[in-house]
Structure formats: C-alpha cells, structure tokens
Amino acid sequence: MKKSNKSIVVIGVFLVAIILSIKLINNKREEVFELDSSNNLEEVESKGVAILYKDSEEENYQETDSIPKGNYEVDSQSYCTKGNSTEHITTTMEYKDNKVYIKADSSGLKCFVYLKKVKLPTAEDTLAKFPNLKLSGNSCPTIDEATGEASIYSLETTNALLCKGQDDYGDTYYFRGSKTNIKNWVKFADKLWRIIRINGDGTIRLIYSENVISESDITNSEIYYNNPRTDNTYVGFMYGTANASSYDEAHKNTNKSHILKELDTWYLKNLEQYKNALDGATGFCNDRTPYNGSSNTSIVDTSAYGYARITTYYGPYLRAWITHKPIFKCPQKEQDLFTTTNDKGIGNQALDYPIGLITADEVIYAGAYESRENADYYLFTGKPYWTMSPYYFVNDYAMMYCVTKNGNLDSTFVPDTFGVRPVINLKADTPFEEGGDGSAEHPFTVKLN
C-alpha cells in the first residue's frame, strides 16, 4: 500500500512538472518586429521600439521619424527592457534591406535600436593594396561622368595603362593596352588570371588566363552559346520563351543558356572550394536593351522589339559600332545584371554560382576597336572566345559578340563554337601574399586560409 502511494506521488510530481514545463514554453513566446522604412515613429513606438541613427563615427546618434535607408548595421549598444526594469533582455537585432528585425523571448518590451552607417569598400581602398599600380593620366580615354561613357576611336597596342571610369558601384579602375607590359596577373585557386578592373565596390574582376592546355582548361574547349538560334530569346545568358508575344516573356530569366551550364560545371569542379573568396553581389551584364538602329540613342521599346523573330539590335551594338562609347554600367540592372544575391541593392539574383563572362564594352576598354585585329593587348590569346554581350537578331539568326583568334571584337551566331574564359569577382577584402608585382613571373597571389 505504501509502495502504491509512493508511486502515485512520483507520478503526480512528474505530471506537475510536465504541466509547468508546458506553461513555461507557452509563456516563452518569440516576437519578431519587422519594421519597414515607410513606418513612422508613431507606428513603431506602439511596439515599444525607438530608432536612432548616425551616418559617421564623428556624429552623435539622433532619433529618426522613419527607419533610414542605406548601408546600416545595428550598434552593439542597442538594447531592450521590460516594464520598469532597467535590466537588458536578451534579443537579436538585425538591419537588412531597409528593415529592422527584432527577436526576443519576452513580450511587452521597450527597445532602443541604434543604427550606424557602414562605410562600404571602394575601388580606391582595393587599389591601395597594390602600391606599384599607378593611374596613367592623360593617355586614358575621357569619361563622361554623367553617363559613364568613354569615347574610344582607336586600338590600344603599346601603352600599358591603368585608367579610371564609372560603373554601377562607383569609380572603377581598369587596365588597357599592352599584353606584355601590363602587370595585372593574379594567381588564385591554383590558376592564373588577369585583372580586368577593380570594380567600384572594391571587388576585383578577373578573367581566366591559364596558359596550360589540358582537359580541364575551358579556354581551349569549343562551346556554343545557345542552340537553336531562331529567336531573340537566345541572346540571353538566361532566357525565356521562344515565339513569345512580348519582350518580357522572351527575356525572362527562366532557362540557363548552354554556356552558363558549362560555366556552372567548371565552377563546381574548379572554384567551389574557394567560394568564400568570391563576391556574388557584384554582377555580370548581359545587356539586352533594344536599339532600333535609326538613331544614336538606345531605346527600350518592348512593344516593338526584342522578341520572337523581330529584327532587333541591342545596346552593345550601338556602343561598339555606332557611337563608339562603351560603358561599364548595366542599363537594365534588374533584368540583365546577373548576380547570386541582392546584397548591394542591384542585380537579378538569377545565378546559382558567381561566375560569368566578359562584356563587349570591357573588351573595348581593354584595347579592342570594331573589327580591327589586335594581337598586342592583354586580352589577346590567339584563340576565339565568347563575351556575354548580344549583337542583334536578324534573318532568323541570334548573334553575340566574341573576341576572334586575331584579337578583334566581332559578332557570331549563337550555335557557333568558341572558347570560354570564365570571369569572377574576388571580394573587396581579399588578402594577398607579399612579394607579387603583378607580372606573369610574380603574379599577385591570393592568400587563402
């Protein structure tokens, strides 16, 4: 009997413990405050939240009537309290995409969120890592700072230039000219690359330049861009629907081009293990802006051009053949700037992996001009290879720009087979080994953990 009573007591205690645990779990409720930048303080204060911000270290924090937009982060002095207590409650706070997120294990909190602006890296910051690289001054093309266009009417063969331009992220520094004298060699992932330019966000754009002929050397592979060829859609790095009834349907980023599939395969084989060194938010431009060919200005007339079998010239054709004014900026960023993420506020986030191709504009900046041969600038390899810039669709042929075996920029049909030179972007904070001078014999070597 005593044993039975003892069992009842044990069971009772166990049940009480379970009930108390359930009650505690129910009381430990997680709240998430997602405060959009359109909300004002009256609305957010109803949730017990105050927002303060500053745009530089020298400033004092000030209250704001709305959540600020831009590159901010939550300062560690942010806190929450409950009731009249001054004790800080454990919370997680985050600022992302112009919103504030607060997670806490208690309700009825009063929170103070301090947002400080983050200084983003620039091309100048990255350039400072390479003290032997100096701007070349008056020998460089003149840039229209309002449009980012450069006027280029000749080849570059003998000069070894480091020049300044503008891209979607700010000031960019690019190489132009002599293949032997330009010191822009980089060793990364046990392979040799050349720097096309330092992007405006401080990332470093590289083009694969391995000289060794091997089975894994994609530059010596003959790969077609897309097949078939009989529709505007096939100029896309990714593409939509053939025989579409609108531009948007034709150029929706739904299907991977054949060349993108090949790049993805090469990436997984050669770069996946180094992915932490690569930037996925800096984009690769597949400019599909329609140009009607009747004036010197690009147009976006999606009601008349760019789909099905309608004759359409594209933006790169305008700049390479008509105006001779290449740009680093991508005209249709949400559509044509290919990225893996949107961490920098622009880009289509359509890529699985951070890899692309060079653009026709970048080839012109490097030293090419129209269809004239150039064996002396640093992008010359003696072998043809693809860009990711559309040329036009006409007479049932979708055409892209390529670099020919003679080094000139020219056009070709998407089912043709050429070499592929992958392009990647190293992160802005990429460290380098000491001792490299950028020459082929002593390249800048990425320091890997």
Protein backbone atom coordinates (compact mmCIF):
# COMPACT_ATOMS: atom_id res chain seq x y z
CA MET A 1 0.00 0.00 0.00
CA LYS A 2 2.82 2.33 0.93
CA LYS A 3 4.60 1.40 -2.26
CA SER A 4 1.45 2.19 -4.25
CA ASN A 5 1.07 5.59 -2.54
CA LYS A 6 4.71 6.36 -3.26
CA SER A 7 4.17 5.56 -6.95
CA ILE A 8 1.13 7.83 -7.06
CA VAL A 9 3.17 10.68 -5.56
CA VAL A 10 6.00 10.18 -8.07
CA ILE A 11 3.56 10.14 -10.96
CA GLY A 12 1.84 13.24 -9.58
CA VAL A 13 5.12 15.14 -9.31
CA PHE A 14 6.01 14.09 -12.85
CA LEU A 15 2.67 15.33 -14.21
CA VAL A 16 3.01 18.64 -12.37
CA ALA A 17 6.49 19.06 -13.87
CA ILE A 18 5.13 18.42 -17.36
CA ILE A 19 2.28 20.92 -16.86
CA LEU A 20 4.69 23.58 -15.55
CA SER A 21 7.06 22.98 -18.49
CA ILE A 22 4.23 23.38 -20.98
CA LYS A 23 3.15 26.59 -19.25
CA LEU A 24 6.70 27.96 -19.32
CA ILE A 25 7.09 27.08 -23.01
CA ASN A 26 3.81 28.81 -23.84
CA ASN A 27 4.87 31.90 -21.89
CA LYS A 28 8.25 31.99 -23.66
CA ARG A 29 6.83 33.47 -26.80
CA GLU A 30 9.08 34.80 -29.60
CA GLU A 31 8.15 38.13 -31.13
CA VAL A 32 9.50 39.37 -34.46
CA PHE A 33 9.25 43.06 -35.27
CA GLU A 34 9.70 43.70 -38.98
CA LEU A 35 9.60 47.45 -39.38
CA ASP A 36 9.55 48.74 -42.92
CA SER A 37 11.20 52.08 -43.71
CA SER A 38 7.79 53.52 -44.64
CA ASN A 39 6.67 53.25 -40.99
CA ASN A 40 6.98 56.37 -38.84
CA LEU A 41 7.79 56.56 -35.14
CA GLU A 42 4.17 56.76 -34.03
CA GLU A 43 3.58 53.35 -35.57
CA VAL A 44 6.75 51.66 -34.37
CA GLU A 45 6.53 53.09 -30.84
CA SER A 46 3.29 51.22 -30.38
CA LYS A 47 5.51 48.14 -30.39
CA GLY A 48 7.87 49.70 -27.88
CA VAL A 49 10.64 50.47 -30.35
CA ALA A 50 12.70 53.64 -30.75
CA ILE A 51 15.08 54.10 -33.70
CA LEU A 52 18.26 56.20 -33.52
CA TYR A 53 20.95 56.52 -36.19
CA LYS A 54 24.17 58.21 -37.24
CA ASP A 55 25.97 58.42 -40.60
CA SER A 56 29.58 58.65 -39.35
CA GLU A 57 31.66 57.85 -36.28
CA GLU A 58 32.07 61.57 -35.59
CA GLU A 59 28.32 62.18 -35.27
CA ASN A 60 26.07 61.66 -32.26
CA TYR A 61 23.04 59.40 -32.53
CA GLN A 62 19.78 61.15 -33.31
CA GLU A 63 16.19 59.98 -33.33
CA THR A 64 14.52 59.44 -36.66
CA ASP A 65 10.94 59.68 -37.88
CA SER A 66 11.47 56.65 -40.13
CA ILE A 67 13.89 53.79 -40.45
CA PRO A 68 16.79 55.09 -42.58
CA LYS A 69 17.56 53.51 -45.92
CA GLY A 70 21.08 52.53 -46.85
CA ASN A 71 24.04 50.58 -45.56
CA TYR A 72 23.47 50.47 -41.82
CA GLU A 73 24.15 47.94 -39.09
CA VAL A 74 22.84 47.56 -35.54
CA ASP A 75 25.24 49.02 -32.97
CA SER A 76 26.10 46.75 -30.03
CA GLN A 77 24.73 49.36 -27.58
CA SER A 78 21.16 48.59 -28.76
CA TYR A 79 19.00 47.04 -26.05
CA CYS A 80 15.53 46.14 -24.81
CA THR A 81 13.98 46.32 -21.32
CA LYS A 82 10.73 45.07 -19.86
CA GLY A 83 8.33 47.08 -17.75
CA ASN A 84 10.06 49.44 -15.33
CA SER A 85 13.15 47.28 -15.08
CA THR A 86 16.50 48.58 -16.33
CA GLU A 87 17.79 45.06 -16.90
CA HIS A 88 18.57 44.35 -20.54
CA ILE A 89 16.62 41.49 -22.08
CA THR A 90 18.38 39.06 -24.41
CA THR A 91 17.43 39.92 -28.01
CA THR A 92 18.66 39.52 -31.55
CA MET A 93 18.56 42.63 -33.70
CA GLU A 94 19.32 42.96 -37.39
CA TYR A 95 19.09 45.63 -40.09
CA LYS A 96 18.60 44.21 -43.56
CA ASP A 97 17.06 45.54 -46.79
CA ASN A 98 15.99 48.78 -45.06
CA LYS A 99 14.12 46.94 -42.31
CA VAL A 100 14.74 46.29 -38.63
CA TYR A 101 14.23 42.79 -37.27
CA ILE A 102 14.00 42.17 -33.51
CA LYS A 103 13.63 38.73 -31.96
CA ALA A 104 13.09 38.31 -28.23
CA ASP A 105 11.95 35.63 -25.81
CA SER A 106 9.63 38.01 -23.99
CA SER A 107 6.68 40.19 -24.90
CA GLY A 108 5.91 43.75 -23.86
CA LEU A 109 9.44 45.04 -24.38
CA LYS A 110 10.71 48.54 -24.89
CA CYS A 111 13.60 48.52 -27.35
CA PHE A 112 16.17 51.10 -28.41
CA VAL A 113 17.75 50.33 -31.79
CA TYR A 114 20.95 52.23 -32.67
CA LEU A 115 21.82 52.13 -36.37
CA LYS A 116 25.22 53.24 -37.62
CA LYS A 117 26.15 53.64 -41.25
CA VAL A 118 28.68 51.19 -42.59
CA LYS A 119 31.50 52.53 -44.74
CA LEU A 120 31.45 50.42 -47.88
CA PRO A 121 34.71 49.43 -49.56
CA THR A 122 35.69 51.34 -52.69
CA ALA A 123 37.96 50.74 -55.64
CA GLU A 124 40.44 53.17 -54.07
CA ASP A 125 40.62 51.01 -50.94
CA THR A 126 41.45 47.95 -53.03
CA LEU A 127 43.89 49.81 -55.27
CA ALA A 128 45.86 50.78 -52.17
CA LYS A 129 46.76 47.10 -51.76
CA PHE A 130 48.83 47.33 -54.94
CA PRO A 131 51.21 50.28 -54.45
CA ASN A 132 53.02 49.56 -57.73
CA LEU A 133 49.81 50.22 -59.73
CA LYS A 134 49.54 53.88 -60.68
CA LEU A 135 46.98 55.77 -62.76
CA SER A 136 48.15 56.60 -66.27
CA GLY A 137 46.65 60.08 -66.63
CA ASN A 138 46.09 61.77 -69.97
CA SER A 139 46.71 58.68 -72.11
CA CYS A 140 43.41 57.20 -70.90
CA PRO A 141 40.02 57.65 -72.63
CA THR A 142 37.94 60.58 -71.45
CA ILE A 143 34.92 59.58 -69.37
CA ASP A 144 31.62 61.44 -69.28
CA GLU A 145 30.90 61.32 -65.56
CA ALA A 146 27.18 61.93 -66.08
CA THR A 147 26.69 58.89 -68.31
CA GLY A 148 29.78 56.80 -67.59
CA GLU A 149 30.54 56.67 -71.32
CA ALA A 150 34.05 56.79 -72.81
CA SER A 151 34.78 57.96 -76.34
CA ILE A 152 37.09 55.36 -77.91
CA TYR A 153 38.01 55.52 -81.59
CA SER A 154 41.23 53.54 -81.82
CA LEU A 155 43.06 50.39 -80.82
CA GLU A 156 45.43 50.32 -77.87
CA THR A 157 48.56 48.29 -78.54
CA THR A 158 51.72 49.68 -76.96
CA ASN A 159 50.69 51.63 -73.86
CA ALA A 160 50.26 49.83 -70.55
CA LEU A 161 47.51 51.85 -68.89
CA LEU A 162 45.59 51.87 -65.65
CA CYS A 163 42.59 54.13 -66.18
CA LYS A 164 39.57 55.37 -64.26
CA GLY A 165 35.90 55.01 -65.25
CA GLN A 166 32.46 54.68 -63.67
CA ASP A 167 30.38 51.57 -63.10
CA ASP A 168 27.20 50.73 -61.21
CA TYR A 169 29.04 50.85 -57.87
CA GLY A 170 31.20 53.96 -58.18
CA ASP A 171 34.64 54.71 -59.62
CA THR A 172 36.28 51.73 -61.30
CA TYR A 173 39.92 51.27 -62.33
CA TYR A 174 40.58 49.24 -65.47
CA PHE A 175 43.57 48.01 -67.46
CA ARG A 176 44.07 48.94 -71.10
CA GLY A 177 46.76 48.08 -73.60
CA SER A 178 49.94 46.05 -73.94
CA LYS A 179 49.74 42.34 -73.12
CA THR A 180 53.40 42.18 -72.13
CA ASN A 181 53.79 45.35 -70.07
CA ILE A 182 50.56 45.41 -68.05
CA LYS A 183 51.13 43.95 -64.62
CA ASN A 184 47.68 42.58 -63.83
CA TRP A 185 48.39 38.88 -63.33
CA VAL A 186 46.78 37.12 -60.35
CA LYS A 187 47.18 33.59 -59.02
CA PHE A 188 44.00 32.27 -57.46
CA ALA A 189 42.65 28.74 -56.93
CA ASP A 190 45.94 27.37 -58.33
CA LYS A 191 45.19 29.09 -61.64
CA LEU A 192 46.35 32.22 -63.44
CA TRP A 193 44.00 35.13 -64.06
CA ARG A 194 44.26 38.70 -65.24
CA ILE A 195 42.56 41.68 -63.63
CA ILE A 196 40.05 43.29 -65.99
CA ARG A 197 39.31 46.02 -63.48
CA ILE A 198 38.77 46.87 -59.85
CA ASN A 199 35.01 47.40 -59.56
CA GLY A 200 33.53 50.45 -57.88
CA ASP A 201 32.63 48.38 -54.80
CA GLY A 202 36.25 47.33 -54.33
CA THR A 203 35.83 43.81 -55.70
CA ILE A 204 38.38 42.58 -58.24
CA ARG A 205 37.13 41.34 -61.61
CA LEU A 206 39.32 38.56 -63.03
CA ILE A 207 39.33 36.76 -66.39
CA TYR A 208 40.72 33.25 -66.62
CA SER A 209 44.10 33.31 -68.34
CA GLU A 210 45.62 29.89 -67.78
CA ASN A 211 48.12 29.05 -70.50
CA VAL A 212 48.32 25.32 -69.84
CA ILE A 213 46.49 23.17 -72.39
CA SER A 214 44.68 20.44 -70.52
CA GLU A 215 41.38 18.67 -70.39
CA SER A 216 40.19 20.98 -67.63
CA ASP A 217 41.20 24.18 -69.45
CA ILE A 218 37.88 25.61 -70.52
CA THR A 219 39.58 28.27 -72.66
CA ASN A 220 40.57 25.54 -75.10
CA SER A 221 37.12 23.98 -75.22
CA GLU A 222 34.80 24.71 -78.11
CA ILE A 223 31.39 25.53 -76.69
CA TYR A 224 28.32 27.04 -78.29
CA TYR A 225 26.46 29.86 -76.59
CA ASN A 226 22.90 28.71 -77.29
CA ASN A 227 21.11 26.44 -79.71
CA PRO A 228 18.76 26.94 -81.54
CA ARG A 229 19.33 30.42 -82.98
CA THR A 230 15.94 31.34 -84.47
CA ASP A 231 14.57 33.69 -81.79
CA ASN A 232 15.53 36.86 -79.91
CA THR A 233 15.35 34.96 -76.64
CA TYR A 234 18.60 33.08 -77.39
CA VAL A 235 20.87 36.09 -76.89
CA GLY A 236 20.18 35.64 -73.18
CA PHE A 237 22.73 34.40 -70.64
CA MET A 238 19.46 33.10 -69.29
CA TYR A 239 16.36 33.27 -71.43
CA GLY A 240 12.59 32.96 -71.54
CA THR A 241 10.16 31.75 -74.18
CA ALA A 242 10.65 31.34 -77.93
CA ASN A 243 7.88 32.76 -80.15
CA ALA A 244 6.83 34.96 -77.24
CA SER A 245 4.33 37.76 -77.68
CA SER A 246 6.31 40.28 -75.59
CA TYR A 247 9.83 41.35 -74.72
CA ASP A 248 9.35 40.37 -71.08
CA GLU A 249 8.34 36.81 -71.97
CA ALA A 250 11.26 36.40 -74.37
CA HIS A 251 13.88 37.65 -71.92
CA LYS A 252 12.60 36.32 -68.64
CA ASN A 253 15.50 34.66 -66.79
CA THR A 254 13.97 31.20 -66.66
CA ASN A 255 16.27 28.91 -68.65
CA LYS A 256 20.04 28.69 -68.45
CA SER A 257 21.93 29.18 -71.68
CA HIS A 258 24.19 26.34 -72.76
CA ILE A 259 27.25 28.42 -71.99
CA LEU A 260 26.02 29.19 -68.46
CA LYS A 261 25.54 25.47 -67.82
CA GLU A 262 29.14 24.89 -68.93
CA LEU A 263 30.37 27.68 -66.65
CA ASP A 264 28.45 26.22 -63.70
CA THR A 265 30.03 22.82 -64.29
CA TRP A 266 33.50 24.36 -64.49
CA TYR A 267 32.86 26.38 -61.34
CA LEU A 268 31.84 23.32 -59.32
CA LYS A 269 34.93 21.46 -60.46
CA ASN A 270 37.46 24.27 -60.01
CA LEU A 271 36.16 27.04 -57.73
CA GLU A 272 33.54 25.67 -55.34
CA GLN A 273 36.13 25.05 -52.62
CA TYR A 274 37.22 28.70 -52.89
CA LYS A 275 33.72 30.16 -52.83
CA ASN A 276 34.30 32.17 -49.64
CA ALA A 277 36.73 34.38 -51.57
CA LEU A 278 34.19 35.21 -54.28
CA ASP A 279 31.62 38.02 -54.35
CA GLY A 280 28.15 37.07 -55.59
CA ALA A 281 26.54 40.50 -55.34
CA THR A 282 28.73 42.18 -57.99
CA GLY A 283 27.10 41.48 -61.34
CA PHE A 284 27.86 40.40 -64.91
CA CYS A 285 25.95 42.38 -67.55
CA ASN A 286 24.08 40.64 -70.39
CA ASP A 287 22.75 43.94 -71.81
CA ARG A 288 19.58 43.15 -73.77
CA THR A 289 18.44 46.76 -74.19
CA PRO A 290 16.74 47.04 -77.61
CA TYR A 291 18.11 49.56 -80.11
CA ASN A 292 16.16 50.27 -83.28
CA GLY A 293 19.12 51.29 -85.43
CA SER A 294 17.62 54.56 -86.62
CA SER A 295 19.39 56.94 -84.23
CA ASN A 296 22.40 57.24 -81.99
CA THR A 297 20.46 56.55 -78.82
CA SER A 298 19.44 53.31 -77.22
CA ILE A 299 15.72 52.76 -76.72
CA VAL A 300 13.65 50.47 -74.57
CA ASP A 301 10.58 49.82 -76.67
CA THR A 302 9.39 46.44 -75.50
CA SER A 303 6.19 46.81 -77.53
CA ALA A 304 8.10 46.70 -80.81
CA TYR A 305 11.47 44.96 -80.39
CA GLY A 306 13.34 42.14 -78.76
CA TYR A 307 11.04 39.14 -79.03
CA ALA A 308 10.12 36.31 -81.39
CA ARG A 309 11.65 36.86 -84.88
CA ILE A 310 11.51 40.65 -84.95
CA THR A 311 14.74 42.22 -86.18
CA THR A 312 16.37 43.77 -83.11
CA TYR A 313 19.71 45.44 -82.49
CA TYR A 314 20.94 45.53 -78.90
CA GLY A 315 22.72 48.12 -76.76
CA PRO A 316 26.26 46.68 -77.17
CA TYR A 317 25.90 47.00 -80.97
CA LEU A 318 25.02 50.67 -80.56
CA ARG A 319 28.08 51.37 -78.44
CA ALA A 320 30.58 49.26 -80.37
CA TRP A 321 29.57 50.16 -83.94
CA ILE A 322 27.62 53.42 -83.89
CA THR A 323 28.61 55.74 -81.04
CA HIS A 324 31.94 54.13 -80.05
CA LYS A 325 31.10 54.94 -76.43
CA PRO A 326 31.42 51.83 -74.23
CA ILE A 327 30.14 51.78 -70.66
CA PHE A 328 30.75 49.71 -67.54
CA LYS A 329 27.23 50.39 -66.27
CA CYS A 330 24.45 47.90 -66.94
CA PRO A 331 21.40 49.71 -68.41
CA GLN A 332 18.79 47.20 -67.18
CA LYS A 333 20.06 46.17 -63.77
CA GLU A 334 17.00 44.29 -62.53
CA GLN A 335 16.83 42.32 -65.77
CA ASP A 336 20.38 41.95 -67.10
CA LEU A 337 22.83 42.35 -64.21
CA PHE A 338 23.42 38.73 -63.23
CA THR A 339 24.16 38.12 -59.54
CA THR A 340 23.64 35.40 -56.96
CA THR A 341 22.41 37.81 -54.26
CA ASN A 342 20.94 41.29 -53.91
CA ASP A 343 23.18 42.33 -51.01
CA LYS A 344 24.21 45.53 -52.83
CA GLY A 345 20.68 46.50 -53.78
CA ILE A 346 21.01 45.81 -57.52
CA GLY A 347 21.09 42.68 -59.65
CA ASN A 348 18.68 39.96 -60.69
CA GLN A 349 19.82 37.21 -58.27
CA ALA A 350 19.36 34.69 -61.10
CA LEU A 351 22.72 32.90 -60.87
CA ASP A 352 23.40 29.77 -58.86
CA TYR A 353 27.14 30.49 -58.79
CA PRO A 354 29.15 33.75 -59.00
CA ILE A 355 30.61 33.27 -62.46
CA GLY A 356 30.10 34.99 -65.81
CA LEU A 357 31.82 36.27 -68.96
CA ILE A 358 33.47 39.47 -70.10
CA THR A 359 31.35 42.09 -71.89
CA ALA A 360 31.99 43.64 -75.31
CA ASP A 361 32.33 47.03 -73.58
CA GLU A 362 35.09 45.68 -71.33
CA VAL A 363 36.90 44.30 -74.37
CA ILE A 364 36.82 47.76 -76.00
CA TYR A 365 38.10 49.40 -72.82
CA ALA A 366 40.93 46.85 -72.76
CA GLY A 367 42.15 47.87 -76.24
CA ALA A 368 39.91 46.48 -79.00
CA TYR A 369 38.13 48.57 -81.63
CA GLU A 370 35.40 47.46 -84.05
CA SER A 371 36.58 44.55 -86.22
CA ARG A 372 40.24 45.56 -86.40
CA GLU A 373 42.82 42.96 -85.44
CA ASN A 374 44.87 43.49 -82.29
CA ALA A 375 47.42 40.92 -81.17
CA ASP A 376 49.10 43.27 -78.72
CA TYR A 377 46.55 43.98 -75.99
CA TYR A 378 46.29 41.84 -72.87
CA LEU A 379 43.03 40.07 -73.81
CA PHE A 380 44.58 38.57 -76.98
CA THR A 381 45.08 34.80 -76.74
CA GLY A 382 45.31 33.66 -80.37
CA LYS A 383 42.05 31.76 -79.87
CA PRO A 384 38.43 32.89 -80.22
CA TYR A 385 36.23 33.17 -77.14
CA TRP A 386 32.77 34.39 -76.17
CA THR A 387 31.57 37.58 -74.50
CA MET A 388 28.12 37.80 -72.87
CA SER A 389 27.05 40.83 -74.95
CA PRO A 390 24.25 40.48 -77.54
CA TYR A 391 24.82 41.83 -81.05
CA TYR A 392 21.47 41.54 -82.86
CA PHE A 393 18.75 39.21 -84.08
CA VAL A 394 18.18 39.40 -87.83
CA ASN A 395 17.19 36.97 -90.60
CA ASP A 396 16.46 34.22 -88.07
CA TYR A 397 19.91 34.47 -86.50
CA ALA A 398 20.61 35.39 -82.88
CA MET A 399 24.14 36.78 -82.69
CA MET A 400 26.59 37.58 -79.88
CA TYR A 401 29.89 39.41 -79.62
CA CYS A 402 33.09 37.40 -79.43
CA VAL A 403 36.84 38.03 -79.42
CA THR A 404 38.33 36.38 -82.53
CA LYS A 405 41.61 34.49 -82.82
CA ASN A 406 43.10 37.71 -84.22
CA GLY A 407 42.07 39.70 -81.17
CA ASN A 408 39.33 41.79 -82.73
CA LEU A 409 35.81 42.23 -81.39
CA ASP A 410 33.31 40.74 -83.82
CA SER A 411 29.93 39.02 -83.99
CA THR A 412 28.98 35.41 -84.46
CA PHE A 413 25.93 33.11 -84.39
CA VAL A 414 24.93 31.63 -81.03
CA PRO A 415 25.29 27.99 -82.23
CA ASP A 416 28.92 28.58 -83.27
CA THR A 417 31.61 27.03 -81.08
CA PHE A 418 34.27 29.15 -79.41
CA GLY A 419 36.40 29.10 -76.29
CA VAL A 420 35.19 30.25 -72.89
CA ARG A 421 37.11 32.41 -70.43
CA PRO A 422 35.34 32.46 -67.06
CA VAL A 423 35.08 35.80 -65.23
CA ILE A 424 34.78 36.09 -61.43
CA ASN A 425 34.87 38.82 -58.78
CA LEU A 426 37.12 38.49 -55.74
CA LYS A 427 35.79 40.05 -52.56
CA ALA A 428 36.96 43.54 -51.67
CA ASP A 429 38.73 42.36 -48.52
CA THR A 430 40.73 39.68 -50.36
CA PRO A 431 44.23 39.40 -48.80
CA PHE A 432 47.32 38.87 -50.95
CA GLU A 433 50.70 37.31 -50.29
CA GLU A 434 53.69 39.62 -50.06
CA GLY A 435 56.16 39.88 -52.92
CA GLY A 436 53.99 39.77 -56.04
CA ASP A 437 54.34 42.59 -58.53
CA GLY A 438 51.57 41.59 -60.98
CA SER A 439 53.91 40.22 -63.65
CA ALA A 440 53.39 36.80 -65.18
CA GLU A 441 56.53 35.61 -63.36
CA HIS A 442 55.50 37.10 -60.00
CA PRO A 443 51.69 37.43 -60.01
CA PHE A 444 49.65 38.87 -57.18
CA THR A 445 48.83 35.72 -55.20
CA VAL A 446 45.63 35.46 -53.17
CA LYS A 447 46.27 34.43 -49.60
CA LEU A 448 43.96 31.55 -48.73
CA ASN A 449 43.24 30.23 -45.25
